[in-house]
Amino acid sequence: MLKRFFLILVALFLLSAAGPALAALNLQVAHLNTPGTDRTLILPPAADNSPVISLGTAVDPQSGKLVSGYAIVHPKKSPAKPSWAGGAGGTKCYGFFAKGAKWKSVEPWIVNPSNTSGLSTSFVLSNLGFDIDKWEDATDGVVGNIAGVNILGDGSSTSSIIVADTVTPDGNNEVYFADISSSSTIAVTIIWGIFGGPISGRELVEWDQVYDDVDFNWSGSGQAGKMDFENIATHELGHSVGLSDLYNSDCSEQTMYGYAGTGEIKKQTLESGDITGISTLY
């Protein structure tokens, strides 16, 4: 009983020390898992109504630091608007997981581009790199001058099985296609990092992404009735660099707006709120 009481106190302390964005979340605590295969990512039933899932804490194998994990669920349909939704009155259409929580070192990433929609290996790899470049280019507040910050490093493709890290980080940043148990979920981005304590000590240490190619068909050209890969990947990579979802309708044209539909391509380009957000963070 005393041990359980102590653990509860520790959990409450960690939450109270978190940044404003995460501390305000109505989080659904759950362990995601990939039972026996890289082709299925199991989400708890509550994921249909909660766009952020706490994965608990673990030790980062690279730094030895205690880090927290969160899964950000990108739904097609619109659940009830969360109380912490970013974007107030159209005046601030950007938000962070926690103030100052960003990448402080450059790491490579890896993608298994195998998918059921016929997207080629070369397209998936090159498009992810192209989408990352958009965010890095905008870090100085100017798009198109190629003078930004290298945040997520270089990528490569693999045919090996890779699995999103939902219990503890493994030191690898991984992207792949799979079945996601919640049929309304387009993609999931998992972030590990330090989100509480002194702002100077906050940082991101790992990201993984899963794109659902069982419940959704994918296109590389904005095809009607299919999810456009560049559109969704640009949004998901916004999470990878530290930006949170927006749910205010005044921010619906921003890349980080939390919902998407088939045939949509407007998230391919960064808008004013997205640019202000990434340049403020970096």
C-alpha atoms as a PDB file:
ATOM      1  CA  MET A   1       0.000   0.000   0.000  1.00  0.00           C
ATOM      2  CA  LEU A   2       2.786   2.442   0.943  1.00  0.00           C
ATOM      3  CA  LYS A   3       4.641   1.625  -2.285  1.00  0.00           C
ATOM      4  CA  ARG A   4       1.526   2.295  -4.347  1.00  0.00           C
ATOM      5  CA  PHE A   5       0.923   5.573  -2.510  1.00  0.00           C
ATOM      6  CA  PHE A   6       4.535   6.616  -3.177  1.00  0.00           C
ATOM      7  CA  LEU A   7       4.205   5.850  -6.890  1.00  0.00           C
ATOM      8  CA  ILE A   8       1.036   7.930  -7.105  1.00  0.00           C
ATOM      9  CA  LEU A   9       2.822  10.877  -5.454  1.00  0.00           C
ATOM     10  CA  VAL A  10       5.714  10.548  -7.923  1.00  0.00           C
ATOM     11  CA  ALA A  11       3.314  10.501 -10.874  1.00  0.00           C
ATOM     12  CA  LEU A  12       1.517  13.602  -9.623  1.00  0.00           C
ATOM     13  CA  PHE A  13       4.836  15.397  -9.130  1.00  0.00           C
ATOM     14  CA  LEU A  14       5.979  14.559 -12.673  1.00  0.00           C
ATOM     15  CA  LEU A  15       2.727  15.817 -14.144  1.00  0.00           C
ATOM     16  CA  SER A  16       2.818  19.043 -12.139  1.00  0.00           C
ATOM     17  CA  ALA A  17       6.385  19.680 -13.317  1.00  0.00           C
ATOM     18  CA  ALA A  18       5.492  19.216 -16.987  1.00  0.00           C
ATOM     19  CA  GLY A  19       5.183  22.090 -19.407  1.00  0.00           C
ATOM     20  CA  PRO A  20       1.855  23.970 -19.674  1.00  0.00           C
ATOM     21  CA  ALA A  21       0.694  22.201 -22.845  1.00  0.00           C
ATOM     22  CA  LEU A  22       1.127  18.678 -21.491  1.00  0.00           C
ATOM     23  CA  ALA A  23       0.072  19.476 -17.937  1.00  0.00           C
ATOM     24  CA  ALA A  24      -3.308  20.637 -19.252  1.00  0.00           C
ATOM     25  CA  LEU A  25      -3.991  17.451 -21.206  1.00  0.00           C
ATOM     26  CA  ASN A  26      -6.727  15.024 -20.264  1.00  0.00           C
ATOM     27  CA  LEU A  27      -4.397  12.112 -20.972  1.00  0.00           C
ATOM     28  CA  GLN A  28      -5.386   8.506 -21.481  1.00  0.00           C
ATOM     29  CA  VAL A  29      -2.622   6.416 -19.905  1.00  0.00           C
ATOM     30  CA  ALA A  30      -1.962   3.209 -21.826  1.00  0.00           C
ATOM     31  CA  HIS A  31       0.774   1.009 -23.200  1.00  0.00           C
ATOM     32  CA  LEU A  32       0.521   0.534 -26.934  1.00  0.00           C
ATOM     33  CA  ASN A  33       1.906  -2.698 -28.257  1.00  0.00           C
ATOM     34  CA  THR A  34       2.758  -4.463 -31.477  1.00  0.00           C
ATOM     35  CA  PRO A  35       1.857  -8.105 -30.806  1.00  0.00           C
ATOM     36  CA  GLY A  36       4.219 -10.284 -32.790  1.00  0.00           C
ATOM     37  CA  THR A  37       4.383  -8.169 -35.933  1.00  0.00           C
ATOM     38  CA  ASP A  38       5.242  -4.771 -37.298  1.00  0.00           C
ATOM     39  CA  ARG A  39       1.915  -4.771 -39.157  1.00  0.00           C
ATOM     40  CA  THR A  40      -0.380  -3.917 -36.245  1.00  0.00           C
ATOM     41  CA  LEU A  41      -0.296  -1.030 -33.780  1.00  0.00           C
ATOM     42  CA  ILE A  42      -2.858  -1.480 -31.008  1.00  0.00           C
ATOM     43  CA  LEU A  43      -4.459   1.681 -29.635  1.00  0.00           C
ATOM     44  CA  PRO A  44      -6.653   1.725 -26.525  1.00  0.00           C
ATOM     45  CA  PRO A  45     -10.392   2.344 -27.158  1.00  0.00           C
ATOM     46  CA  ALA A  46     -10.037   5.786 -25.560  1.00  0.00           C
ATOM     47  CA  ALA A  47      -7.826   6.852 -28.481  1.00  0.00           C
ATOM     48  CA  ASP A  48     -10.992   7.588 -30.457  1.00  0.00           C
ATOM     49  CA  ASN A  49     -11.637  10.504 -28.108  1.00  0.00           C
ATOM     50  CA  SER A  50      -8.175  11.396 -26.826  1.00  0.00           C
ATOM     51  CA  PRO A  51      -5.610  12.610 -29.374  1.00  0.00           C
ATOM     52  CA  VAL A  52      -2.683  12.291 -26.944  1.00  0.00           C
ATOM     53  CA  ILE A  53      -1.790   9.105 -25.062  1.00  0.00           C
ATOM     54  CA  SER A  54       0.765   9.010 -22.261  1.00  0.00           C
ATOM     55  CA  LEU A  55       3.240   6.145 -22.556  1.00  0.00           C
ATOM     56  CA  GLY A  56       4.804   6.712 -19.139  1.00  0.00           C
ATOM     57  CA  THR A  57       8.487   7.168 -18.384  1.00  0.00           C
ATOM     58  CA  ALA A  58      11.625   5.252 -19.284  1.00  0.00           C
ATOM     59  CA  VAL A  59      15.385   5.676 -19.438  1.00  0.00           C
ATOM     60  CA  ASP A  60      16.781   6.961 -22.717  1.00  0.00           C
ATOM     61  CA  PRO A  61      19.483   4.439 -23.728  1.00  0.00           C
ATOM     62  CA  GLN A  62      21.639   7.118 -25.365  1.00  0.00           C
ATOM     63  CA  SER A  63      21.711   9.775 -22.649  1.00  0.00           C
ATOM     64  CA  GLY A  64      20.731   7.753 -19.579  1.00  0.00           C
ATOM     65  CA  LYS A  65      18.140  10.421 -18.748  1.00  0.00           C
ATOM     66  CA  LEU A  66      14.604   9.722 -17.532  1.00  0.00           C
ATOM     67  CA  VAL A  67      12.248  10.654 -20.373  1.00  0.00           C
ATOM     68  CA  SER A  68       8.484  10.626 -20.974  1.00  0.00           C
ATOM     69  CA  GLY A  69       6.694   9.232 -24.008  1.00  0.00           C
ATOM     70  CA  TYR A  70       3.541  10.395 -25.772  1.00  0.00           C
ATOM     71  CA  ALA A  71       1.627   9.024 -28.761  1.00  0.00           C
ATOM     72  CA  ILE A  72      -0.117  11.690 -30.851  1.00  0.00           C
ATOM     73  CA  VAL A  73      -3.097  10.255 -32.701  1.00  0.00           C
ATOM     74  CA  HIS A  74      -4.107  11.877 -36.009  1.00  0.00           C
ATOM     75  CA  PRO A  75      -7.813  11.153 -36.584  1.00  0.00           C
ATOM     76  CA  LYS A  76      -9.858  11.489 -39.743  1.00  0.00           C
ATOM     77  CA  LYS A  77     -13.093  12.142 -37.896  1.00  0.00           C
ATOM     78  CA  SER A  78     -13.499  14.876 -35.316  1.00  0.00           C
ATOM     79  CA  PRO A  79     -13.815  13.797 -31.673  1.00  0.00           C
ATOM     80  CA  ALA A  80     -14.874  16.307 -29.060  1.00  0.00           C
ATOM     81  CA  LYS A  81     -12.589  19.341 -28.990  1.00  0.00           C
ATOM     82  CA  PRO A  82      -9.983  18.866 -26.239  1.00  0.00           C
ATOM     83  CA  SER A  83      -9.911  21.474 -23.468  1.00  0.00           C
ATOM     84  CA  TRP A  84      -6.215  22.124 -24.194  1.00  0.00           C
ATOM     85  CA  ALA A  85      -6.708  22.739 -27.930  1.00  0.00           C
ATOM     86  CA  GLY A  86      -4.131  25.115 -29.383  1.00  0.00           C
ATOM     87  CA  GLY A  87      -4.895  28.271 -31.335  1.00  0.00           C
ATOM     88  CA  ALA A  88      -6.865  30.958 -29.549  1.00  0.00           C
ATOM     89  CA  GLY A  89      -9.058  33.260 -31.584  1.00  0.00           C
ATOM     90  CA  GLY A  90      -6.856  32.894 -34.648  1.00  0.00           C
ATOM     91  CA  THR A  91      -4.135  35.028 -33.043  1.00  0.00           C
ATOM     92  CA  LYS A  92      -1.739  32.222 -32.125  1.00  0.00           C
ATOM     93  CA  CYS A  93      -2.074  29.277 -34.475  1.00  0.00           C
ATOM     94  CA  TYR A  94       0.783  27.222 -33.099  1.00  0.00           C
ATOM     95  CA  GLY A  95       1.578  25.279 -29.948  1.00  0.00           C
ATOM     96  CA  PHE A  96       4.338  23.164 -28.390  1.00  0.00           C
ATOM     97  CA  PHE A  97       4.325  19.966 -26.348  1.00  0.00           C
ATOM     98  CA  ALA A  98       6.141  22.055 -23.741  1.00  0.00           C
ATOM     99  CA  LYS A  99       7.968  25.349 -23.979  1.00  0.00           C
ATOM    100  CA  GLY A 100      11.582  24.725 -24.940  1.00  0.00           C
ATOM    101  CA  ALA A 101      11.121  20.994 -25.655  1.00  0.00           C
ATOM    102  CA  LYS A 102      13.075  20.639 -28.902  1.00  0.00           C
ATOM    103  CA  TRP A 103      15.916  18.698 -30.517  1.00  0.00           C
ATOM    104  CA  LYS A 104      19.369  19.541 -29.213  1.00  0.00           C
ATOM    105  CA  SER A 105      21.288  16.946 -31.214  1.00  0.00           C
ATOM    106  CA  VAL A 106      20.960  15.721 -34.803  1.00  0.00           C
ATOM    107  CA  GLU A 107      20.144  12.042 -35.326  1.00  0.00           C
ATOM    108  CA  PRO A 108      19.463   9.958 -38.447  1.00  0.00           C
ATOM    109  CA  TRP A 109      16.103   8.346 -39.152  1.00  0.00           C
ATOM    110  CA  ILE A 110      15.067   5.171 -40.948  1.00  0.00           C
ATOM    111  CA  VAL A 111      11.963   4.190 -42.926  1.00  0.00           C
ATOM    112  CA  ASN A 112      10.577   0.848 -44.056  1.00  0.00           C
ATOM    113  CA  PRO A 113       8.618   2.112 -47.088  1.00  0.00           C
ATOM    114  CA  SER A 114       6.709  -1.148 -47.729  1.00  0.00           C
ATOM    115  CA  ASN A 115       2.997  -0.355 -48.108  1.00  0.00           C
ATOM    116  CA  THR A 116      -0.207  -1.743 -49.594  1.00  0.00           C
ATOM    117  CA  SER A 117      -0.969   1.347 -51.703  1.00  0.00           C
ATOM    118  CA  GLY A 118       1.839   1.021 -54.236  1.00  0.00           C
ATOM    119  CA  LEU A 119       3.886   4.040 -53.116  1.00  0.00           C
ATOM    120  CA  SER A 120       7.444   3.408 -54.289  1.00  0.00           C
ATOM    121  CA  THR A 121      10.419   3.072 -51.980  1.00  0.00           C
ATOM    122  CA  SER A 122      12.143   6.029 -53.611  1.00  0.00           C
ATOM    123  CA  PHE A 123       9.046   8.233 -53.289  1.00  0.00           C
ATOM    124  CA  VAL A 124       8.445   7.521 -49.595  1.00  0.00           C
ATOM    125  CA  LEU A 125      12.102   8.075 -48.687  1.00  0.00           C
ATOM    126  CA  SER A 126      12.595  11.218 -50.765  1.00  0.00           C
ATOM    127  CA  ASN A 127       9.256  12.738 -49.796  1.00  0.00           C
ATOM    128  CA  LEU A 128       9.922  12.325 -46.080  1.00  0.00           C
ATOM    129  CA  GLY A 129      13.247  14.096 -46.566  1.00  0.00           C
ATOM    130  CA  PHE A 130      11.556  16.837 -48.600  1.00  0.00           C
ATOM    131  CA  ASP A 131       8.916  17.334 -45.888  1.00  0.00           C
ATOM    132  CA  ILE A 132      11.570  17.533 -43.177  1.00  0.00           C
ATOM    133  CA  ASP A 133      13.380  20.180 -45.238  1.00  0.00           C
ATOM    134  CA  LYS A 134      10.253  22.374 -45.143  1.00  0.00           C
ATOM    135  CA  TRP A 135      10.283  22.528 -41.353  1.00  0.00           C
ATOM    136  CA  GLU A 136      14.051  23.022 -41.150  1.00  0.00           C
ATOM    137  CA  ASP A 137      13.957  25.764 -43.784  1.00  0.00           C
ATOM    138  CA  ALA A 138      11.315  27.660 -41.780  1.00  0.00           C
ATOM    139  CA  THR A 139      13.281  27.733 -38.510  1.00  0.00           C
ATOM    140  CA  ASP A 140      14.577  31.233 -39.280  1.00  0.00           C
ATOM    141  CA  GLY A 141      11.035  32.457 -39.994  1.00  0.00           C
ATOM    142  CA  VAL A 142      11.616  32.679 -43.752  1.00  0.00           C
ATOM    143  CA  VAL A 143      10.532  30.000 -46.224  1.00  0.00           C
ATOM    144  CA  GLY A 144      12.635  29.414 -49.321  1.00  0.00           C
ATOM    145  CA  ASN A 145      16.015  30.843 -48.344  1.00  0.00           C
ATOM    146  CA  ILE A 146      17.462  27.460 -47.287  1.00  0.00           C
ATOM    147  CA  ALA A 147      19.029  29.019 -44.202  1.00  0.00           C
ATOM    148  CA  GLY A 148      17.393  27.084 -41.406  1.00  0.00           C
ATOM    149  CA  VAL A 149      18.491  24.619 -38.746  1.00  0.00           C
ATOM    150  CA  ASN A 150      19.261  20.932 -39.318  1.00  0.00           C
ATOM    151  CA  ILE A 151      16.848  19.293 -36.861  1.00  0.00           C
ATOM    152  CA  LEU A 152      16.097  15.694 -37.854  1.00  0.00           C
ATOM    153  CA  GLY A 153      19.167  14.715 -39.840  1.00  0.00           C
ATOM    154  CA  ASP A 154      19.382  12.350 -42.817  1.00  0.00           C
ATOM    155  CA  GLY A 155      17.239   9.318 -43.576  1.00  0.00           C
ATOM    156  CA  SER A 156      17.652   5.898 -45.144  1.00  0.00           C
ATOM    157  CA  SER A 157      15.359   3.032 -46.090  1.00  0.00           C
ATOM    158  CA  THR A 158      15.339  -0.555 -44.869  1.00  0.00           C
ATOM    159  CA  SER A 159      13.463  -3.750 -45.635  1.00  0.00           C
ATOM    160  CA  SER A 160      13.902  -4.980 -42.072  1.00  0.00           C
ATOM    161  CA  ILE A 161      11.041  -5.078 -39.576  1.00  0.00           C
ATOM    162  CA  ILE A 162      10.939  -1.966 -37.409  1.00  0.00           C
ATOM    163  CA  VAL A 163       8.543  -1.344 -34.543  1.00  0.00           C
ATOM    164  CA  ALA A 164       7.384   1.885 -32.913  1.00  0.00           C
ATOM    165  CA  ASP A 165       8.730   2.244 -29.385  1.00  0.00           C
ATOM    166  CA  THR A 166       5.744   2.452 -27.060  1.00  0.00           C
ATOM    167  CA  VAL A 167       7.320   1.285 -23.778  1.00  0.00           C
ATOM    168  CA  THR A 168      10.854   2.644 -23.903  1.00  0.00           C
ATOM    169  CA  PRO A 169      12.973   4.449 -26.533  1.00  0.00           C
ATOM    170  CA  ASP A 170      15.538   2.359 -28.397  1.00  0.00           C
ATOM    171  CA  GLY A 171      17.733   5.114 -29.823  1.00  0.00           C
ATOM    172  CA  ASN A 172      16.273   4.846 -33.351  1.00  0.00           C
ATOM    173  CA  ASN A 173      13.861   7.166 -35.162  1.00  0.00           C
ATOM    174  CA  GLU A 174      11.623   4.887 -37.227  1.00  0.00           C
ATOM    175  CA  VAL A 175       8.858   5.300 -39.825  1.00  0.00           C
ATOM    176  CA  TYR A 176       6.694   2.598 -41.396  1.00  0.00           C
ATOM    177  CA  PHE A 177       3.213   1.619 -42.598  1.00  0.00           C
ATOM    178  CA  ALA A 178       0.990  -0.743 -40.596  1.00  0.00           C
ATOM    179  CA  ASP A 179      -2.538  -1.482 -39.470  1.00  0.00           C
ATOM    180  CA  ILE A 180      -3.641   0.818 -36.634  1.00  0.00           C
ATOM    181  CA  SER A 181      -6.392  -0.712 -34.521  1.00  0.00           C
ATOM    182  CA  SER A 182      -8.519   2.457 -34.368  1.00  0.00           C
ATOM    183  CA  SER A 183     -10.018   2.581 -37.866  1.00  0.00           C
ATOM    184  CA  SER A 184     -10.385   6.376 -37.799  1.00  0.00           C
ATOM    185  CA  THR A 185      -6.681   6.943 -37.097  1.00  0.00           C
ATOM    186  CA  ILE A 186      -4.659   8.027 -40.121  1.00  0.00           C
ATOM    187  CA  ALA A 187      -1.259   8.041 -38.440  1.00  0.00           C
ATOM    188  CA  VAL A 188       0.428   8.025 -35.039  1.00  0.00           C
ATOM    189  CA  THR A 189       3.589   9.885 -34.050  1.00  0.00           C
ATOM    190  CA  ILE A 190       5.392   8.823 -30.880  1.00  0.00           C
ATOM    191  CA  ILE A 191       7.645  11.308 -29.124  1.00  0.00           C
ATOM    192  CA  TRP A 192      10.056  10.694 -26.241  1.00  0.00           C
ATOM    193  CA  GLY A 193      11.665  13.543 -24.358  1.00  0.00           C
ATOM    194  CA  ILE A 194      11.931  15.721 -21.285  1.00  0.00           C
ATOM    195  CA  PHE A 195       8.919  18.026 -21.031  1.00  0.00           C
ATOM    196  CA  GLY A 196       9.085  19.253 -17.423  1.00  0.00           C
ATOM    197  CA  GLY A 197      11.526  20.954 -15.112  1.00  0.00           C
ATOM    198  CA  PRO A 198      13.697  23.931 -16.120  1.00  0.00           C
ATOM    199  CA  ILE A 199      13.077  25.041 -19.693  1.00  0.00           C
ATOM    200  CA  SER A 200      16.793  24.812 -20.453  1.00  0.00           C
ATOM    201  CA  GLY A 201      16.730  21.093 -19.607  1.00  0.00           C
ATOM    202  CA  ARG A 202      13.803  20.144 -21.817  1.00  0.00           C
ATOM    203  CA  GLU A 203      14.516  18.287 -25.033  1.00  0.00           C
ATOM    204  CA  LEU A 204      13.287  15.692 -27.543  1.00  0.00           C
ATOM    205  CA  VAL A 205      15.252  12.453 -27.828  1.00  0.00           C
ATOM    206  CA  GLU A 206      13.295  10.142 -30.177  1.00  0.00           C
ATOM    207  CA  TRP A 207      10.427  10.012 -32.677  1.00  0.00           C
ATOM    208  CA  ASP A 208       8.624   7.174 -34.442  1.00  0.00           C
ATOM    209  CA  GLN A 209       5.755   7.277 -36.940  1.00  0.00           C
ATOM    210  CA  VAL A 210       3.172   4.729 -38.126  1.00  0.00           C
ATOM    211  CA  TYR A 211       0.906   5.336 -41.156  1.00  0.00           C
ATOM    212  CA  ASP A 212      -2.260   3.221 -41.496  1.00  0.00           C
ATOM    213  CA  ASP A 213      -2.340   1.534 -44.915  1.00  0.00           C
ATOM    214  CA  VAL A 214      -5.089  -0.952 -43.995  1.00  0.00           C
ATOM    215  CA  ASP A 215      -7.973   1.410 -43.264  1.00  0.00           C
ATOM    216  CA  PHE A 216      -6.731   4.046 -45.721  1.00  0.00           C
ATOM    217  CA  ASN A 217      -5.422   4.065 -49.269  1.00  0.00           C
ATOM    218  CA  TRP A 218      -2.510   6.402 -49.967  1.00  0.00           C
ATOM    219  CA  SER A 219      -1.579   8.600 -52.898  1.00  0.00           C
ATOM    220  CA  GLY A 220       1.447  10.606 -53.912  1.00  0.00           C
ATOM    221  CA  SER A 221      -0.559  13.054 -55.996  1.00  0.00           C
ATOM    222  CA  GLY A 222      -3.562  14.227 -53.981  1.00  0.00           C
ATOM    223  CA  GLN A 223      -5.859  11.640 -55.548  1.00  0.00           C
ATOM    224  CA  ALA A 224      -9.510  11.857 -54.516  1.00  0.00           C
ATOM    225  CA  GLY A 225     -10.613   9.222 -52.014  1.00  0.00           C
ATOM    226  CA  LYS A 226      -7.055   8.597 -50.793  1.00  0.00           C
ATOM    227  CA  MET A 227      -4.827  10.093 -48.130  1.00  0.00           C
ATOM    228  CA  ASP A 228      -2.090  12.204 -49.675  1.00  0.00           C
ATOM    229  CA  PHE A 229       1.202  11.069 -48.159  1.00  0.00           C
ATOM    230  CA  GLU A 230       2.957  14.435 -48.375  1.00  0.00           C
ATOM    231  CA  ASN A 231      -0.035  16.149 -46.781  1.00  0.00           C
ATOM    232  CA  ILE A 232      -0.122  13.814 -43.768  1.00  0.00           C
ATOM    233  CA  ALA A 233       3.657  13.364 -43.423  1.00  0.00           C
ATOM    234  CA  THR A 234       4.292  17.111 -43.307  1.00  0.00           C
ATOM    235  CA  HIS A 235       1.805  17.365 -40.423  1.00  0.00           C
ATOM    236  CA  GLU A 236       3.248  14.359 -38.561  1.00  0.00           C
ATOM    237  CA  LEU A 237       6.778  15.692 -38.901  1.00  0.00           C
ATOM    238  CA  GLY A 238       5.597  18.871 -37.221  1.00  0.00           C
ATOM    239  CA  HIS A 239       5.081  16.690 -34.151  1.00  0.00           C
ATOM    240  CA  SER A 240       8.536  15.176 -34.607  1.00  0.00           C
ATOM    241  CA  VAL A 241      10.130  18.616 -34.282  1.00  0.00           C
ATOM    242  CA  GLY A 242       8.044  19.561 -31.216  1.00  0.00           C
ATOM    243  CA  LEU A 243       4.804  21.180 -32.396  1.00  0.00           C
ATOM    244  CA  SER A 244       1.389  20.131 -31.051  1.00  0.00           C
ATOM    245  CA  ASP A 245      -1.975  19.835 -32.803  1.00  0.00           C
ATOM    246  CA  LEU A 246      -4.383  22.739 -33.267  1.00  0.00           C
ATOM    247  CA  TYR A 247      -8.138  22.306 -32.848  1.00  0.00           C
ATOM    248  CA  ASN A 248      -9.457  25.858 -33.093  1.00  0.00           C
ATOM    249  CA  SER A 249     -11.454  26.283 -36.305  1.00  0.00           C
ATOM    250  CA  ASP A 250      -9.726  29.639 -36.829  1.00  0.00           C
ATOM    251  CA  CYS A 251      -6.530  27.635 -37.398  1.00  0.00           C
ATOM    252  CA  SER A 252      -8.019  25.096 -39.810  1.00  0.00           C
ATOM    253  CA  GLU A 253      -5.768  26.163 -42.705  1.00  0.00           C
ATOM    254  CA  GLN A 254      -2.562  25.532 -40.762  1.00  0.00           C
ATOM    255  CA  THR A 255      -0.487  22.419 -41.353  1.00  0.00           C
ATOM    256  CA  MET A 256      -0.742  21.530 -37.665  1.00  0.00           C
ATOM    257  CA  TYR A 257      -4.562  21.541 -37.630  1.00  0.00           C
ATOM    258  CA  GLY A 258      -5.512  18.252 -36.001  1.00  0.00           C
ATOM    259  CA  TYR A 259      -7.845  16.708 -38.590  1.00  0.00           C
ATOM    260  CA  ALA A 260      -7.459  15.654 -42.210  1.00  0.00           C
ATOM    261  CA  GLY A 261      -9.476  14.100 -45.007  1.00  0.00           C
ATOM    262  CA  THR A 262      -8.966  12.172 -48.226  1.00  0.00           C
ATOM    263  CA  GLY A 263      -7.777  14.178 -51.198  1.00  0.00           C
ATOM    264  CA  GLU A 264      -6.556  16.971 -48.930  1.00  0.00           C
ATOM    265  CA  ILE A 265      -3.268  18.631 -49.926  1.00  0.00           C
ATOM    266  CA  LYS A 266      -3.333  21.967 -48.045  1.00  0.00           C
ATOM    267  CA  LYS A 267      -1.036  20.638 -45.317  1.00  0.00           C
ATOM    268  CA  GLN A 268       1.756  20.180 -47.859  1.00  0.00           C
ATOM    269  CA  THR A 269       2.796  23.799 -47.368  1.00  0.00           C
ATOM    270  CA  LEU A 270       3.568  25.563 -44.103  1.00  0.00           C
ATOM    271  CA  GLU A 271       1.342  28.495 -43.178  1.00  0.00           C
ATOM    272  CA  SER A 272       1.993  31.552 -41.029  1.00  0.00           C
ATOM    273  CA  GLY A 273       1.225  29.870 -37.698  1.00  0.00           C
ATOM    274  CA  ASP A 274       3.400  26.864 -38.547  1.00  0.00           C
ATOM    275  CA  ILE A 275       6.315  29.109 -39.534  1.00  0.00           C
ATOM    276  CA  THR A 276       5.967  31.263 -36.424  1.00  0.00           C
ATOM    277  CA  GLY A 277       5.795  28.164 -34.251  1.00  0.00           C
ATOM    278  CA  ILE A 278       8.895  26.426 -35.606  1.00  0.00           C
ATOM    279  CA  SER A 279      10.950  29.639 -35.701  1.00  0.00           C
ATOM    280  CA  THR A 280       9.933  30.477 -32.124  1.00  0.00           C
ATOM    281  CA  LEU A 281      10.922  27.011 -30.889  1.00  0.00           C
ATOM    282  CA  TYR A 282      14.252  26.890 -32.731  1.00  0.00           C
END
